[in-house]
C-alpha atoms as a PDB file:
ATOM      1  CA  MET A   1     102.433 -90.866-152.292  1.00  0.00           C
ATOM      2  CA  ILE A   2     102.767 -88.626-149.223  1.00  0.00           C
ATOM      3  CA  ASN A   3     101.975 -85.077-150.335  1.00  0.00           C
ATOM      4  CA  GLN A   4     103.335 -81.851-148.859  1.00  0.00           C
ATOM      5  CA  HIS A   5     100.366 -81.384-146.524  1.00  0.00           C
ATOM      6  CA  SER A   6     100.529 -84.923-145.151  1.00  0.00           C
ATOM      7  CA  SER A   7     104.342 -84.709-144.798  1.00  0.00           C
ATOM      8  CA  SER A   8     103.942 -81.599-142.649  1.00  0.00           C
ATOM      9  CA  PHE A   9     101.275 -83.399-140.639  1.00  0.00           C
ATOM     10  CA  LEU A  10     103.578 -86.371-140.087  1.00  0.00           C
ATOM     11  CA  ASP A  11     106.508 -84.135-139.076  1.00  0.00           C
ATOM     12  CA  ASN A  12     104.328 -82.537-136.419  1.00  0.00           C
ATOM     13  CA  GLN A  13     103.411 -85.980-135.085  1.00  0.00           C
ATOM     14  CA  VAL A  14     106.943 -87.285-134.568  1.00  0.00           C
ATOM     15  CA  GLN A  15     107.238 -85.937-131.042  1.00  0.00           C
ATOM     16  CA  ASN A  16     103.740 -87.108-130.115  1.00  0.00           C
ATOM     17  CA  PHE A  17     104.445 -90.665-131.219  1.00  0.00           C
ATOM     18  CA  SER A  18     107.732 -90.790-129.330  1.00  0.00           C
ATOM     19  CA  ASN A  19     106.374 -89.286-126.101  1.00  0.00           C
ATOM     20  CA  GLU A  20     102.837 -90.652-125.971  1.00  0.00           C
ATOM     21  CA  GLY A  21     103.340 -94.359-126.488  1.00  0.00           C
ATOM     22  CA  TYR A  22     100.414 -96.674-125.920  1.00  0.00           C
ATOM     23  CA  LYS A  23     100.376 -97.965-122.351  1.00  0.00           C
ATOM     24  CA  TYR A  24      98.711-101.334-121.843  1.00  0.00           C
ATOM     25  CA  SER A  25      96.006-101.554-119.212  1.00  0.00           C
ATOM     26  CA  TRP A  26      94.891-104.844-117.685  1.00  0.00           C
ATOM     27  CA  PHE A  27      92.069-104.846-120.233  1.00  0.00           C
ATOM     28  CA  ASP A  28      94.543-104.584-123.141  1.00  0.00           C
ATOM     29  CA  TRP A  29      96.595-107.488-121.789  1.00  0.00           C
ATOM     30  CA  PHE A  30      93.401-109.495-121.464  1.00  0.00           C
ATOM     31  CA  CYS A  31      92.464-108.680-125.071  1.00  0.00           C
ATOM     32  CA  LEU A  32      95.918-109.677-126.276  1.00  0.00           C
ATOM     33  CA  TRP A  33      95.529-113.216-124.916  1.00  0.00           C
ATOM     34  CA  TYR A  34      91.794-113.639-125.530  1.00  0.00           C
ATOM     35  CA  PRO A  35      91.160-114.285-129.266  1.00  0.00           C
ATOM     36  CA  PRO A  36      87.992-112.152-129.663  1.00  0.00           C
ATOM     37  CA  GLY A  37      89.901-109.277-128.079  1.00  0.00           C
ATOM     38  CA  TRP A  38      92.471-108.698-130.822  1.00  0.00           C
ATOM     39  CA  LEU A  39      90.025-106.506-132.725  1.00  0.00           C
ATOM     40  CA  VAL A  40      89.410-104.492-129.547  1.00  0.00           C
ATOM     41  CA  LEU A  41      93.153-103.933-129.100  1.00  0.00           C
ATOM     42  CA  PHE A  42      93.597-102.826-132.725  1.00  0.00           C
ATOM     43  CA  ASN A  43      90.801-100.261-132.417  1.00  0.00           C
ATOM     44  CA  ARG A  44      91.840 -98.991-128.980  1.00  0.00           C
ATOM     45  CA  HIS A  45      95.400 -98.495-130.208  1.00  0.00           C
ATOM     46  CA  TRP A  46      94.124 -96.548-133.205  1.00  0.00           C
ATOM     47  CA  GLN A  47      91.948 -94.329-131.006  1.00  0.00           C
ATOM     48  CA  HIS A  48      94.952 -93.496-128.815  1.00  0.00           C
ATOM     49  CA  TYR A  49      96.743 -91.871-131.766  1.00  0.00           C
ATOM     50  CA  ASN A  50      93.912 -90.796-134.072  1.00  0.00           C
ATOM     51  CA  SER A  51      90.696 -88.877-133.764  1.00  0.00           C
ATOM     52  CA  ASP A  52      87.871 -91.338-134.443  1.00  0.00           C
ATOM     53  CA  PRO A  53      84.493 -89.908-133.382  1.00  0.00           C
ATOM     54  CA  ASP A  54      82.689 -92.689-135.266  1.00  0.00           C
ATOM     55  CA  GLY A  55      84.701 -95.456-133.612  1.00  0.00           C
ATOM     56  CA  TRP A  56      83.666 -98.103-131.088  1.00  0.00           C
ATOM     57  CA  ASN A  57      83.088 -97.138-127.464  1.00  0.00           C
ATOM     58  CA  PRO A  58      83.962 -99.055-124.250  1.00  0.00           C
ATOM     59  CA  PHE A  59      80.497-100.578-123.804  1.00  0.00           C
ATOM     60  CA  GLU A  60      80.545-101.905-127.365  1.00  0.00           C
ATOM     61  CA  TYR A  61      84.018-103.341-126.818  1.00  0.00           C
ATOM     62  CA  GLY A  62      82.668-105.309-123.881  1.00  0.00           C
ATOM     63  CA  LEU A  63      80.020-106.854-126.129  1.00  0.00           C
ATOM     64  CA  PHE A  64      82.749-108.126-128.491  1.00  0.00           C
ATOM     65  CA  LEU A  65      83.905-110.512-125.786  1.00  0.00           C
ATOM     66  CA  ILE A  66      80.670-112.450-125.226  1.00  0.00           C
ATOM     67  CA  PRO A  67      79.101-114.951-127.648  1.00  0.00           C
ATOM     68  CA  GLY A  68      76.931-113.146-130.194  1.00  0.00           C
ATOM     69  CA  GLY A  69      77.617-109.774-128.576  1.00  0.00           C
ATOM     70  CA  PHE A  70      79.348-108.361-131.654  1.00  0.00           C
ATOM     71  CA  TYR A  71      76.056-108.310-133.569  1.00  0.00           C
ATOM     72  CA  LEU A  72      74.424-106.247-130.837  1.00  0.00           C
ATOM     73  CA  ALA A  73      77.470-103.949-130.736  1.00  0.00           C
ATOM     74  CA  VAL A  74      77.186-103.288-134.488  1.00  0.00           C
ATOM     75  CA  LEU A  75      73.476-102.493-134.136  1.00  0.00           C
ATOM     76  CA  ILE A  76      74.088-100.100-131.237  1.00  0.00           C
ATOM     77  CA  ARG A  77      76.916 -98.356-133.072  1.00  0.00           C
ATOM     78  CA  TRP A  78      74.877 -98.097-136.275  1.00  0.00           C
ATOM     79  CA  LEU A  79      72.010 -96.469-134.360  1.00  0.00           C
ATOM     80  CA  ARG A  80      74.462 -94.203-132.516  1.00  0.00           C
ATOM     81  CA  LEU A  81      75.867 -92.995-135.859  1.00  0.00           C
ATOM     82  CA  GLY A  82      72.420 -92.152-137.180  1.00  0.00           C
ATOM     83  CA  CYS A  83      71.942 -95.343-139.198  1.00  0.00           C
ATOM     84  CA  ARG A  84      74.985 -94.817-141.420  1.00  0.00           C
ATOM     85  CA  SER A  85      78.438 -96.315-141.952  1.00  0.00           C
ATOM     86  CA  PRO A  86      81.506 -94.874-140.166  1.00  0.00           C
ATOM     87  CA  ARG A  87      83.220 -91.957-141.881  1.00  0.00           C
ATOM     88  CA  GLU A  88      86.848 -91.956-142.905  1.00  0.00           C
ATOM     89  CA  GLU A  89      88.884 -89.501-140.829  1.00  0.00           C
ATOM     90  CA  GLN A  90      92.393 -90.199-142.162  1.00  0.00           C
ATOM     91  CA  SER A  91      93.727 -92.271-145.047  1.00  0.00           C
ATOM     92  CA  GLU A  92      97.325 -91.194-145.808  1.00  0.00           C
ATOM     93  CA  PHE A  93     100.120 -93.647-145.078  1.00  0.00           C
ATOM     94  CA  ASN A  94     101.702 -92.680-141.749  1.00  0.00           C
ATOM     95  CA  PRO A  95     105.109 -94.325-141.141  1.00  0.00           C
ATOM     96  CA  TYR A  96     105.112 -93.124-137.535  1.00  0.00           C
ATOM     97  CA  TYR A  97     101.841 -94.854-136.777  1.00  0.00           C
ATOM     98  CA  GLN A  98     103.080 -97.948-138.614  1.00  0.00           C
ATOM     99  CA  GLN A  99     106.131 -97.971-136.333  1.00  0.00           C
ATOM    100  CA  ALA A 100     104.027 -97.459-133.203  1.00  0.00           C
ATOM    101  CA  PHE A 101     101.642-100.268-134.175  1.00  0.00           C
ATOM    102  CA  ARG A 102     104.586-102.517-134.976  1.00  0.00           C
ATOM    103  CA  GLN A 103     106.312-101.986-131.647  1.00  0.00           C
ATOM    104  CA  GLU A 104     103.274-101.787-129.372  1.00  0.00           C
ATOM    105  CA  VAL A 105     100.850-104.310-130.869  1.00  0.00           C
ATOM    106  CA  LEU A 106     102.612-106.540-133.372  1.00  0.00           C
ATOM    107  CA  ALA A 107     105.750-107.220-131.316  1.00  0.00           C
ATOM    108  CA  PRO A 108     104.139-109.512-128.698  1.00  0.00           C
ATOM    109  CA  ILE A 109     101.959-111.229-131.317  1.00  0.00           C
ATOM    110  CA  VAL A 110     104.827-111.916-133.721  1.00  0.00           C
ATOM    111  CA  ASN A 111     107.415-112.878-131.102  1.00  0.00           C
ATOM    112  CA  LYS A 112     105.295-114.731-128.550  1.00  0.00           C
ATOM    113  CA  TYR A 113     102.277-116.002-130.468  1.00  0.00           C
ATOM    114  CA  PHE A 114     103.643-116.788-133.938  1.00  0.00           C
ATOM    115  CA  ARG A 115     107.264-117.181-132.746  1.00  0.00           C
ATOM    116  CA  ALA A 116     108.309-115.903-136.153  1.00  0.00           C
ATOM    117  CA  GLU A 117     111.863-116.109-137.449  1.00  0.00           C
ATOM    118  CA  LEU A 118     113.862-115.073-140.514  1.00  0.00           C
ATOM    119  CA  LYS A 119     116.067-117.784-142.016  1.00  0.00           C
ATOM    120  CA  GLN A 120     119.023-117.406-144.391  1.00  0.00           C
ATOM    121  CA  ILE A 121     119.318-113.707-143.553  1.00  0.00           C
ATOM    122  CA  GLU A 122     122.668-113.576-145.348  1.00  0.00           C
ATOM    123  CA  ASN A 123     120.571-113.324-148.539  1.00  0.00           C
ATOM    124  CA  LEU A 124     118.980-110.057-147.400  1.00  0.00           C
ATOM    125  CA  PRO A 125     120.250-107.161-149.533  1.00  0.00           C
ATOM    126  CA  ALA A 126     121.474-103.987-147.896  1.00  0.00           C
ATOM    127  CA  SER A 127     119.315-101.497-149.782  1.00  0.00           C
ATOM    128  CA  GLU A 128     115.870-100.908-151.190  1.00  0.00           C
ATOM    129  CA  PRO A 129     113.540-100.611-153.121  1.00  0.00           C
ATOM    130  CA  LEU A 130     112.702-104.281-153.434  1.00  0.00           C
ATOM    131  CA  LEU A 131     109.819-106.391-154.636  1.00  0.00           C
ATOM    132  CA  LEU A 132     109.395-109.336-152.256  1.00  0.00           C
ATOM    133  CA  ILE A 133     107.363-112.278-153.514  1.00  0.00           C
ATOM    134  CA  MET A 134     106.105-114.986-151.170  1.00  0.00           C
ATOM    135  CA  ASN A 135     103.764-117.966-151.108  1.00  0.00           C
ATOM    136  CA  HIS A 136     100.447-116.992-149.535  1.00  0.00           C
ATOM    137  CA  ALA A 137      98.187-119.303-147.547  1.00  0.00           C
ATOM    138  CA  GLY A 138      96.014-119.524-144.487  1.00  0.00           C
ATOM    139  CA  MET A 139      92.614-118.311-145.723  1.00  0.00           C
ATOM    140  CA  CYS A 140      92.505-115.702-142.971  1.00  0.00           C
ATOM    141  CA  PHE A 141      93.690-112.202-142.082  1.00  0.00           C
ATOM    142  CA  PRO A 142      97.077-111.871-143.908  1.00  0.00           C
ATOM    143  CA  TRP A 143      99.251-112.598-140.883  1.00  0.00           C
ATOM    144  CA  ASP A 144     101.970-114.229-142.991  1.00  0.00           C
ATOM    145  CA  PHE A 145     102.605-110.918-144.782  1.00  0.00           C
ATOM    146  CA  ILE A 146     102.078-108.702-141.731  1.00  0.00           C
ATOM    147  CA  THR A 147     104.561-110.784-139.741  1.00  0.00           C
ATOM    148  CA  LEU A 148     107.169-110.677-142.514  1.00  0.00           C
ATOM    149  CA  ALA A 149     106.799-106.899-142.733  1.00  0.00           C
ATOM    150  CA  TYR A 150     107.408-106.664-138.985  1.00  0.00           C
ATOM    151  CA  LEU A 151     110.525-108.862-139.081  1.00  0.00           C
ATOM    152  CA  LEU A 152     112.089-107.022-142.022  1.00  0.00           C
ATOM    153  CA  SER A 153     111.374-103.617-140.504  1.00  0.00           C
ATOM    154  CA  GLU A 154     113.027-104.688-137.265  1.00  0.00           C
ATOM    155  CA  LYS A 155     116.009-106.278-139.033  1.00  0.00           C
ATOM    156  CA  ARG A 156     116.758-103.589-141.621  1.00  0.00           C
ATOM    157  CA  ASN A 157     114.715-100.601-140.453  1.00  0.00           C
ATOM    158  CA  TRP A 158     112.978-100.677-143.836  1.00  0.00           C
ATOM    159  CA  THR A 159     109.620 -99.182-144.684  1.00  0.00           C
ATOM    160  CA  VAL A 160     107.735-102.325-145.724  1.00  0.00           C
ATOM    161  CA  ARG A 161     104.322-102.109-147.363  1.00  0.00           C
ATOM    162  CA  PRO A 162     102.180-105.032-148.594  1.00  0.00           C
ATOM    163  CA  LEU A 163     100.356-104.838-151.907  1.00  0.00           C
ATOM    164  CA  THR A 164      96.783-105.420-150.798  1.00  0.00           C
ATOM    165  CA  GLY A 165      93.545-106.345-152.516  1.00  0.00           C
ATOM    166  CA  VAL A 166      90.997-103.546-152.701  1.00  0.00           C
ATOM    167  CA  ALA A 167      88.512-105.614-150.665  1.00  0.00           C
ATOM    168  CA  LEU A 168      90.700-105.220-147.576  1.00  0.00           C
ATOM    169  CA  PHE A 169      90.135-101.464-147.804  1.00  0.00           C
ATOM    170  CA  GLU A 170      86.492-101.186-148.793  1.00  0.00           C
ATOM    171  CA  HIS A 171      84.465-104.286-147.942  1.00  0.00           C
ATOM    172  CA  PRO A 172      81.560-103.480-145.568  1.00  0.00           C
ATOM    173  CA  TRP A 173      82.738-106.063-143.044  1.00  0.00           C
ATOM    174  CA  ILE A 174      86.185-104.445-142.888  1.00  0.00           C
ATOM    175  CA  VAL A 175      84.614-100.987-142.513  1.00  0.00           C
ATOM    176  CA  TRP A 176      82.774-102.163-139.371  1.00  0.00           C
ATOM    177  CA  TRP A 177      85.642-104.219-137.957  1.00  0.00           C
ATOM    178  CA  LEU A 178      88.421-101.659-138.281  1.00  0.00           C
ATOM    179  CA  PRO A 179      88.604 -97.868-138.591  1.00  0.00           C
ATOM    180  CA  ARG A 180      88.088 -96.589-142.121  1.00  0.00           C
ATOM    181  CA  GLY A 181      91.505 -95.804-143.548  1.00  0.00           C
ATOM    182  CA  TRP A 182      93.260 -98.212-141.141  1.00  0.00           C
ATOM    183  CA  SER A 183      94.856-100.279-143.924  1.00  0.00           C
ATOM    184  CA  ASN A 184      96.021 -97.144-145.769  1.00  0.00           C
ATOM    185  CA  VAL A 185      97.530 -95.513-142.707  1.00  0.00           C
ATOM    186  CA  LEU A 186      99.379 -98.697-141.746  1.00  0.00           C
ATOM    187  CA  GLY A 187     100.965 -98.878-145.200  1.00  0.00           C
ATOM    188  CA  GLY A 188      98.774-101.124-147.325  1.00  0.00           C
ATOM    189  CA  VAL A 189      99.292-100.397-151.025  1.00  0.00           C
ATOM    190  CA  ARG A 190      96.131-100.810-153.040  1.00  0.00           C
ATOM    191  CA  ALA A 191      96.543-103.348-155.840  1.00  0.00           C
ATOM    192  CA  GLU A 192      96.276-100.591-158.429  1.00  0.00           C
ATOM    193  CA  PHE A 193      98.926 -99.249-160.785  1.00  0.00           C
ATOM    194  CA  LYS A 194      98.998 -95.655-159.498  1.00  0.00           C
ATOM    195  CA  ALA A 195      99.300 -96.711-155.851  1.00  0.00           C
ATOM    196  CA  PHE A 196     102.160 -99.077-156.708  1.00  0.00           C
ATOM    197  CA  GLU A 197     103.943 -96.374-158.693  1.00  0.00           C
ATOM    198  CA  ASN A 198     103.721 -93.924-155.797  1.00  0.00           C
ATOM    199  CA  ALA A 199     105.100 -96.498-153.354  1.00  0.00           C
ATOM    200  CA  VAL A 200     108.038 -97.228-155.666  1.00  0.00           C
ATOM    201  CA  LYS A 201     108.917 -93.524-155.872  1.00  0.00           C
ATOM    202  CA  GLU A 202     109.317 -93.538-152.091  1.00  0.00           C
ATOM    203  CA  ARG A 203     111.883 -96.397-152.292  1.00  0.00           C
ATOM    204  CA  THR A 204     109.595 -98.741-150.429  1.00  0.00           C
ATOM    205  CA  VAL A 205     110.001-102.480-149.902  1.00  0.00           C
ATOM    206  CA  ILE A 206     106.803-103.930-151.336  1.00  0.00           C
ATOM    207  CA  LEU A 207     105.416-107.347-150.386  1.00  0.00           C
ATOM    208  CA  TYR A 208     103.657-109.113-153.235  1.00  0.00           C
ATOM    209  CA  ALA A 209     101.702-112.377-153.373  1.00  0.00           C
ATOM    210  CA  PRO A 210     102.204-113.640-156.960  1.00  0.00           C
ATOM    211  CA  GLU A 211      99.463-116.253-156.495  1.00  0.00           C
ATOM    212  CA  GLY A 212      97.003-113.433-155.831  1.00  0.00           C
ATOM    213  CA  LEU A 213      93.721-114.501-154.274  1.00  0.00           C
ATOM    214  CA  HIS A 214      94.244-117.998-155.654  1.00  0.00           C
ATOM    215  CA  GLY A 215      96.744-118.497-152.813  1.00  0.00           C
ATOM    216  CA  PRO A 216      94.359-118.298-149.859  1.00  0.00           C
ATOM    217  CA  LYS A 217      91.469-119.673-151.955  1.00  0.00           C
ATOM    218  CA  LYS A 218      93.280-122.952-152.667  1.00  0.00           C
ATOM    219  CA  GLY A 219      92.438-124.199-149.194  1.00  0.00           C
ATOM    220  CA  TRP A 220      93.974-126.766-146.874  1.00  0.00           C
ATOM    221  CA  VAL A 221      94.142-129.686-149.334  1.00  0.00           C
ATOM    222  CA  LYS A 222      96.385-127.728-151.740  1.00  0.00           C
ATOM    223  CA  ARG A 223      98.242-125.795-149.049  1.00  0.00           C
ATOM    224  CA  TYR A 224     101.686-126.774-150.396  1.00  0.00           C
ATOM    225  CA  GLN A 225     100.792-126.415-154.080  1.00  0.00           C
ATOM    226  CA  LEU A 226     101.569-122.999-155.530  1.00  0.00           C
ATOM    227  CA  GLN A 227      98.953-121.697-157.956  1.00  0.00           C
ATOM    228  CA  ASN A 228      99.834-119.980-161.237  1.00  0.00           C
ATOM    229  CA  PHE A 229     101.696-116.720-160.676  1.00  0.00           C
ATOM    230  CA  ASN A 230     100.296-113.440-161.936  1.00  0.00           C
ATOM    231  CA  ILE A 231     102.697-111.891-164.452  1.00  0.00           C
ATOM    232  CA  SER A 232     102.325-108.344-163.108  1.00  0.00           C
ATOM    233  CA  PHE A 233     105.211-108.650-160.613  1.00  0.00           C
ATOM    234  CA  VAL A 234     107.603-109.486-163.473  1.00  0.00           C
ATOM    235  CA  GLN A 235     106.331-106.570-165.567  1.00  0.00           C
ATOM    236  CA  LEU A 236     106.485-104.133-162.646  1.00  0.00           C
ATOM    237  CA  SER A 237     109.991-105.265-161.763  1.00  0.00           C
ATOM    238  CA  GLN A 238     111.067-104.649-165.358  1.00  0.00           C
ATOM    239  CA  ARG A 239     109.325-101.291-165.696  1.00  0.00           C
ATOM    240  CA  TYR A 240     110.768 -99.794-162.516  1.00  0.00           C
ATOM    241  CA  GLN A 241     114.015-101.780-162.451  1.00  0.00           C
ATOM    242  CA  ILE A 242     113.270-103.239-159.018  1.00  0.00           C
ATOM    243  CA  PRO A 243     115.045-106.470-158.062  1.00  0.00           C
ATOM    244  CA  ILE A 244     112.893-109.393-156.931  1.00  0.00           C
ATOM    245  CA  LEU A 245     113.557-111.165-153.632  1.00  0.00           C
ATOM    246  CA  PRO A 246     111.767-114.541-153.299  1.00  0.00           C
ATOM    247  CA  ILE A 247     110.828-115.710-149.791  1.00  0.00           C
ATOM    248  CA  ILE A 248     109.314-119.028-148.720  1.00  0.00           C
ATOM    249  CA  CYS A 249     107.036-119.046-145.675  1.00  0.00           C
ATOM    250  CA  ILE A 250     106.552-122.289-143.762  1.00  0.00           C
ATOM    251  CA  GLY A 251     103.743-122.388-141.202  1.00  0.00           C
ATOM    252  CA  ASN A 252     101.272-119.975-142.794  1.00  0.00           C
ATOM    253  CA  GLU A 253      99.192-122.942-143.977  1.00  0.00           C
ATOM    254  CA  ASN A 254      98.330-123.559-140.310  1.00  0.00           C
ATOM    255  CA  LEU A 255      96.956-120.074-139.640  1.00  0.00           C
ATOM    256  CA  HIS A 256      93.488-121.416-140.502  1.00  0.00           C
ATOM    257  CA  PRO A 257      93.779-125.203-140.822  1.00  0.00           C
ATOM    258  CA  PHE A 258      91.366-127.604-142.545  1.00  0.00           C
ATOM    259  CA  ALA A 259      89.718-124.729-144.422  1.00  0.00           C
ATOM    260  CA  ILE A 260      87.988-124.979-147.791  1.00  0.00           C
ATOM    261  CA  ASN A 261      86.519-122.259-149.971  1.00  0.00           C
ATOM    262  CA  ILE A 262      82.941-122.711-151.167  1.00  0.00           C
ATOM    263  CA  ARG A 263      82.552-120.346-154.103  1.00  0.00           C
ATOM    264  CA  LYS A 264      78.747-120.139-154.081  1.00  0.00           C
ATOM    265  CA  ILE A 265      78.705-118.995-150.449  1.00  0.00           C
ATOM    266  CA  GLN A 266      81.658-116.688-151.085  1.00  0.00           C
ATOM    267  CA  LYS A 267      79.784-114.958-153.910  1.00  0.00           C
ATOM    268  CA  ILE A 268      76.663-114.484-151.776  1.00  0.00           C
ATOM    269  CA  PHE A 269      78.688-112.482-149.233  1.00  0.00           C
ATOM    270  CA  LYS A 270      80.747-110.762-152.002  1.00  0.00           C
ATOM    271  CA  LEU A 271      84.010-111.783-150.360  1.00  0.00           C
ATOM    272  CA  PRO A 272      87.300-112.567-152.145  1.00  0.00           C
ATOM    273  CA  PHE A 273      87.254-115.906-150.304  1.00  0.00           C
ATOM    274  CA  LEU A 274      85.230-117.426-147.478  1.00  0.00           C
ATOM    275  CA  PRO A 275      86.977-120.170-145.498  1.00  0.00           C
ATOM    276  CA  ILE A 276      84.772-122.939-144.154  1.00  0.00           C
ATOM    277  CA  SER A 277      86.370-124.970-141.355  1.00  0.00           C
ATOM    278  CA  PRO A 278      85.753-126.206-137.783  1.00  0.00           C
ATOM    279  CA  LEU A 279      86.801-122.725-136.617  1.00  0.00           C
ATOM    280  CA  MET A 280      83.826-121.125-138.371  1.00  0.00           C
ATOM    281  CA  PHE A 281      81.517-122.014-135.470  1.00  0.00           C
ATOM    282  CA  LEU A 282      83.659-119.852-133.183  1.00  0.00           C
ATOM    283  CA  LEU A 283      83.766-117.084-135.791  1.00  0.00           C
ATOM    284  CA  PHE A 284      79.973-117.162-136.025  1.00  0.00           C
ATOM    285  CA  LEU A 285      79.735-116.629-132.242  1.00  0.00           C
ATOM    286  CA  PHE A 286      82.617-114.123-132.140  1.00  0.00           C
ATOM    287  CA  PRO A 287      82.878-112.223-135.464  1.00  0.00           C
ATOM    288  CA  SER A 288      85.624-110.065-133.957  1.00  0.00           C
ATOM    289  CA  MET A 289      87.865-113.146-134.345  1.00  0.00           C
ATOM    290  CA  GLY A 290      88.071-112.328-138.057  1.00  0.00           C
ATOM    291  CA  VAL A 291      91.487-110.741-137.420  1.00  0.00           C
ATOM    292  CA  TRP A 292      92.681-113.689-135.305  1.00  0.00           C
ATOM    293  CA  ALA A 293      94.561-116.790-136.443  1.00  0.00           C
ATOM    294  CA  MET A 294      95.676-120.084-134.954  1.00  0.00           C
ATOM    295  CA  PRO A 295      99.045-120.095-133.164  1.00  0.00           C
ATOM    296  CA  THR A 296     101.718-121.448-135.488  1.00  0.00           C
ATOM    297  CA  ARG A 297     105.449-121.010-135.979  1.00  0.00           C
ATOM    298  CA  LEU A 298     106.147-118.822-139.004  1.00  0.00           C
ATOM    299  CA  HIS A 299     109.551-119.401-140.598  1.00  0.00           C
ATOM    300  CA  TYR A 300     110.687-117.275-143.541  1.00  0.00           C
ATOM    301  CA  TYR A 301     113.432-118.643-145.816  1.00  0.00           C
ATOM    302  CA  ILE A 302     115.039-115.801-147.758  1.00  0.00           C
ATOM    303  CA  GLN A 303     116.366-116.757-151.197  1.00  0.00           C
ATOM    304  CA  LYS A 304     118.939-114.949-153.323  1.00  0.00           C
ATOM    305  CA  ILE A 305     117.905-111.718-154.972  1.00  0.00           C
ATOM    306  CA  GLU A 306     117.177-111.779-158.701  1.00  0.00           C
ATOM    307  CA  SER A 307     117.487-108.791-161.002  1.00  0.00           C
ATOM    308  CA  ASN A 308     115.108-108.661-163.951  1.00  0.00           C
ATOM    309  CA  THR A 309     117.397-107.666-166.840  1.00  0.00           C
ATOM    310  CA  GLN A 310     115.410-109.193-169.695  1.00  0.00           C
ATOM    311  CA  ASN A 311     113.256-106.606-171.492  1.00  0.00           C
ATOM    312  CA  ILE A 312     109.858-108.303-171.287  1.00  0.00           C
ATOM    313  CA  GLU A 313     107.577-105.543-169.997  1.00  0.00           C
ATOM    314  CA  HIS A 314     105.453-105.498-173.173  1.00  0.00           C
ATOM    315  CA  ASN A 315     105.918-109.160-174.105  1.00  0.00           C
ATOM    316  CA  HIS A 316     103.037-110.993-172.425  1.00  0.00           C
ATOM    317  CA  THR A 317     104.252-114.473-173.381  1.00  0.00           C
ATOM    318  CA  ALA A 318     107.804-113.875-172.135  1.00  0.00           C
ATOM    319  CA  ALA A 319     106.482-112.336-168.894  1.00  0.00           C
ATOM    320  CA  TYR A 320     104.235-115.358-168.342  1.00  0.00           C
ATOM    321  CA  GLN A 321     107.127-117.748-168.903  1.00  0.00           C
ATOM    322  CA  LYS A 322     109.342-115.778-166.509  1.00  0.00           C
ATOM    323  CA  ALA A 323     106.619-115.777-163.833  1.00  0.00           C
ATOM    324  CA  GLN A 324     106.202-119.544-164.136  1.00  0.00           C
ATOM    325  CA  ILE A 325     109.973-120.025-163.827  1.00  0.00           C
ATOM    326  CA  PHE A 326     109.757-118.190-160.503  1.00  0.00           C
ATOM    327  CA  LYS A 327     106.814-120.388-159.544  1.00  0.00           C
ATOM    328  CA  ASP A 328     108.669-123.605-160.349  1.00  0.00           C
ATOM    329  CA  LYS A 329     111.716-122.467-158.368  1.00  0.00           C
ATOM    330  CA  MET A 330     109.631-121.512-155.365  1.00  0.00           C
ATOM    331  CA  GLN A 331     107.648-124.743-155.527  1.00  0.00           C
ATOM    332  CA  ASN A 332     110.921-126.679-155.475  1.00  0.00           C
ATOM    333  CA  TRP A 333     112.187-124.685-152.481  1.00  0.00           C
ATOM    334  CA  LEU A 334     108.857-125.129-150.717  1.00  0.00           C
ATOM    335  CA  ASP A 335     109.001-128.910-151.212  1.00  0.00           C
ATOM    336  CA  ILE A 336     112.563-129.021-149.869  1.00  0.00           C
ATOM    337  CA  PHE A 337     111.770-127.005-146.744  1.00  0.00           C
ATOM    338  CA  ILE A 338     108.617-129.037-146.033  1.00  0.00           C
ATOM    339  CA  GLN A 339     110.580-132.287-146.325  1.00  0.00           C
ATOM    340  CA  GLY A 340     113.291-130.917-144.058  1.00  0.00           C
ATOM    341  CA  GLN A 341     110.727-129.843-141.482  1.00  0.00           C
ATOM    342  CA  SER A 342     109.070-133.294-141.572  1.00  0.00           C
ATOM    343  CA  LYS A 343     112.411-134.982-140.870  1.00  0.00           C
ATOM    344  CA  CYS A 344     113.031-132.651-137.913  1.00  0.00           C
ATOM    345  CA  ASN A 345     109.632-133.536-136.452  1.00  0.00           C
END
């Protein structure tokens, strides 16, 4: 939740964010269209708006763009910081930075690269808070959720925040890729009860993947097969009286195609999942491509809103049954949309 100190800080930043927008240089445009450069653009944008003395410098950015150069860049930065990890300078959610990042970085990626589109927008409610549930796939950076958040914010001017696994905030690889606190500041809600409760109090639209990590871990072979839904979204909806809005995403399975998850290797690196695919050779040469994804059209089919009126918060069996009803409905919708897309092709 944004406390009084951080609210005052944000109020003082309003004018700065409106007057000091990020201006793309030729190097930024190059990074936008060169896959290893997306990570450079994310960090440079952050440094424009936030003090980051431990962040990457221009020479290190240049190393990102050559095969194997990222490893040398990490070593140089680690030595420059006195053989320690980067410190966290800011971690409070900042809606003004979220808006700036959305308009200045996400807009060209979502509109030109993913060519994303909302379908059946007549089903969008007029007010929030809401709990949005969606099928999750891709085994990569969560572009399906980030893109949906962008589209909904543009369409309804909502504050949209994805419920995010703790690993996306704290894993050592993430700490060296992106500024510490980046996920928090952009609006990620830690998958913890207190963080969810605070977001609800602010009347936020929360994106939730009911498959959890089993969604991206299922891999390419099971890309159209929803895994068992976690019951927590049903319980949270009941506890806070938040309606549930189901959404089906078509195209997110192609963000990282032909990927499989090898659990033994995943556990060695202590990652929530580790996709193995033909793209991994490129990722080995250019680790900065960890935030990149294959170009694919992302279509979001919005279903009718469902209010959770049944009192099942403390009834585990009833909550499980309700969650699986949602799963069966969404699996049916997913099958229908996939068949329709196949006929169009």
